[in-house]
Amino acid sequence: MWRALFLAAGVFLIILGLECLAVDTVSLKLRKDPPSPSSPFNTQANVGPRIVLTPPGWAPWSLMSSGAVVCLYSFTIPLRVKGKSRMNGRQ
């Protein structure tokens, strides 16, 4: 179970780093309830506030490298568990 959890976290970090590498800015539009129409000819779109996120230059590389380290750690977890069980059996 721990191996799958760490592997999923590592893959998520790698994918997030690749996404940060591919995009320059991310624009999030917040939802806003539409007002009641005052007339049938009122066709203006209701624009809610926006949040613009710009990832710094170091973010993609640090996310991908830390994700790779976490993935490599997840591959060593079964060896650690087997080593503990063998040590407990000998004592």
Protein backbone atom coordinates (compact mmCIF):
# COMPACT_ATOMS: atom_id res chain seq x y z
CA MET A 1 0.00 0.00 0.00
CA TRP A 2 2.79 2.46 0.85
CA ARG A 3 4.53 1.73 -2.41
CA ALA A 4 1.43 2.62 -4.43
CA LEU A 5 0.89 5.79 -2.42
CA PHE A 6 4.44 7.04 -2.94
CA LEU A 7 4.43 6.02 -6.60
CA ALA A 8 1.18 7.92 -7.20
CA ALA A 9 2.54 11.01 -5.43
CA GLY A 10 5.73 10.86 -7.50
CA VAL A 11 3.89 10.47 -10.79
CA PHE A 12 1.58 13.33 -9.83
CA LEU A 13 4.57 15.60 -9.16
CA ILE A 14 6.18 14.66 -12.47
CA ILE A 15 2.96 15.37 -14.39
CA LEU A 16 2.47 18.67 -12.55
CA GLY A 17 6.05 19.65 -13.40
CA LEU A 18 5.49 18.82 -17.07
CA GLU A 19 2.33 20.91 -17.07
CA CYS A 20 4.19 23.86 -15.53
CA LEU A 21 6.85 23.44 -18.21
CA ALA A 22 4.25 23.50 -21.00
CA VAL A 23 2.18 26.54 -19.96
CA ASP A 24 3.18 30.16 -19.40
CA THR A 25 0.17 31.28 -17.39
CA VAL A 26 -2.96 29.69 -15.99
CA SER A 27 -6.12 31.76 -15.86
CA LEU A 28 -8.86 30.64 -13.47
CA LYS A 29 -12.31 32.14 -13.87
CA LEU A 30 -14.36 32.18 -10.69
CA ARG A 31 -18.05 31.48 -11.03
CA LYS A 32 -20.48 34.24 -10.35
CA ASP A 33 -24.25 33.91 -10.17
CA PRO A 34 -25.90 35.56 -13.17
CA PRO A 35 -28.08 38.54 -12.31
CA SER A 36 -31.76 38.45 -13.04
CA PRO A 37 -32.38 39.87 -16.51
CA SER A 38 -33.67 43.42 -16.40
CA SER A 39 -34.86 43.28 -20.00
CA PRO A 40 -35.05 40.64 -22.74
CA PHE A 41 -32.42 42.56 -24.70
CA ASN A 42 -29.80 42.31 -21.96
CA THR A 43 -27.31 39.90 -23.58
CA GLN A 44 -24.03 40.92 -21.89
CA ALA A 45 -22.05 38.04 -20.51
CA ASN A 46 -21.47 38.10 -16.79
CA VAL A 47 -17.71 37.99 -16.30
CA GLY A 48 -16.52 36.92 -12.88
CA PRO A 49 -13.16 37.72 -11.35
CA ARG A 50 -10.09 35.93 -12.67
CA ILE A 51 -7.01 34.58 -10.95
CA VAL A 52 -3.88 34.44 -13.10
CA LEU A 53 -1.11 32.08 -11.97
CA THR A 54 2.36 32.23 -13.48
CA PRO A 55 4.68 29.40 -12.40
CA PRO A 56 8.25 30.54 -11.65
CA GLY A 57 11.08 29.25 -13.81
CA TRP A 58 12.38 26.83 -11.18
CA ALA A 59 8.99 25.18 -10.45
CA PRO A 60 8.82 22.66 -13.34
CA TRP A 61 12.32 21.33 -12.79
CA SER A 62 12.02 21.05 -9.03
CA LEU A 63 8.62 19.33 -9.28
CA MET A 64 9.87 16.83 -11.86
CA SER A 65 13.08 16.08 -9.95
CA SER A 66 11.34 15.64 -6.61
CA GLY A 67 8.74 13.43 -8.30
CA ALA A 68 11.51 11.28 -9.76
CA VAL A 69 13.13 10.94 -6.33
CA VAL A 70 9.82 9.93 -4.75
CA CYS A 71 9.24 7.34 -7.54
CA LEU A 72 12.70 5.89 -6.99
CA TYR A 73 12.02 5.74 -3.26
CA SER A 74 8.77 3.88 -3.90
CA PHE A 75 10.70 1.19 -5.80
CA THR A 76 12.96 0.60 -2.76
CA ILE A 77 10.12 0.19 -0.24
CA PRO A 78 9.67 -3.59 -0.81
CA LEU A 79 13.39 -4.12 -0.19
CA ARG A 80 13.15 -2.26 3.10
CA VAL A 81 10.10 -4.25 4.20
CA LYS A 82 11.74 -7.58 3.27
CA GLY A 83 14.91 -6.57 5.11
CA LYS A 84 12.98 -5.85 8.31
CA SER A 85 11.05 -9.12 8.16
CA ARG A 86 14.22 -11.12 7.64
CA MET A 87 15.93 -9.34 10.53
CA ASN A 88 12.99 -10.01 12.83
CA GLY A 89 12.97 -13.70 11.89
CA ARG A 90 16.64 -14.17 12.78
CA GLN A 91 16.42 -12.70 16.24
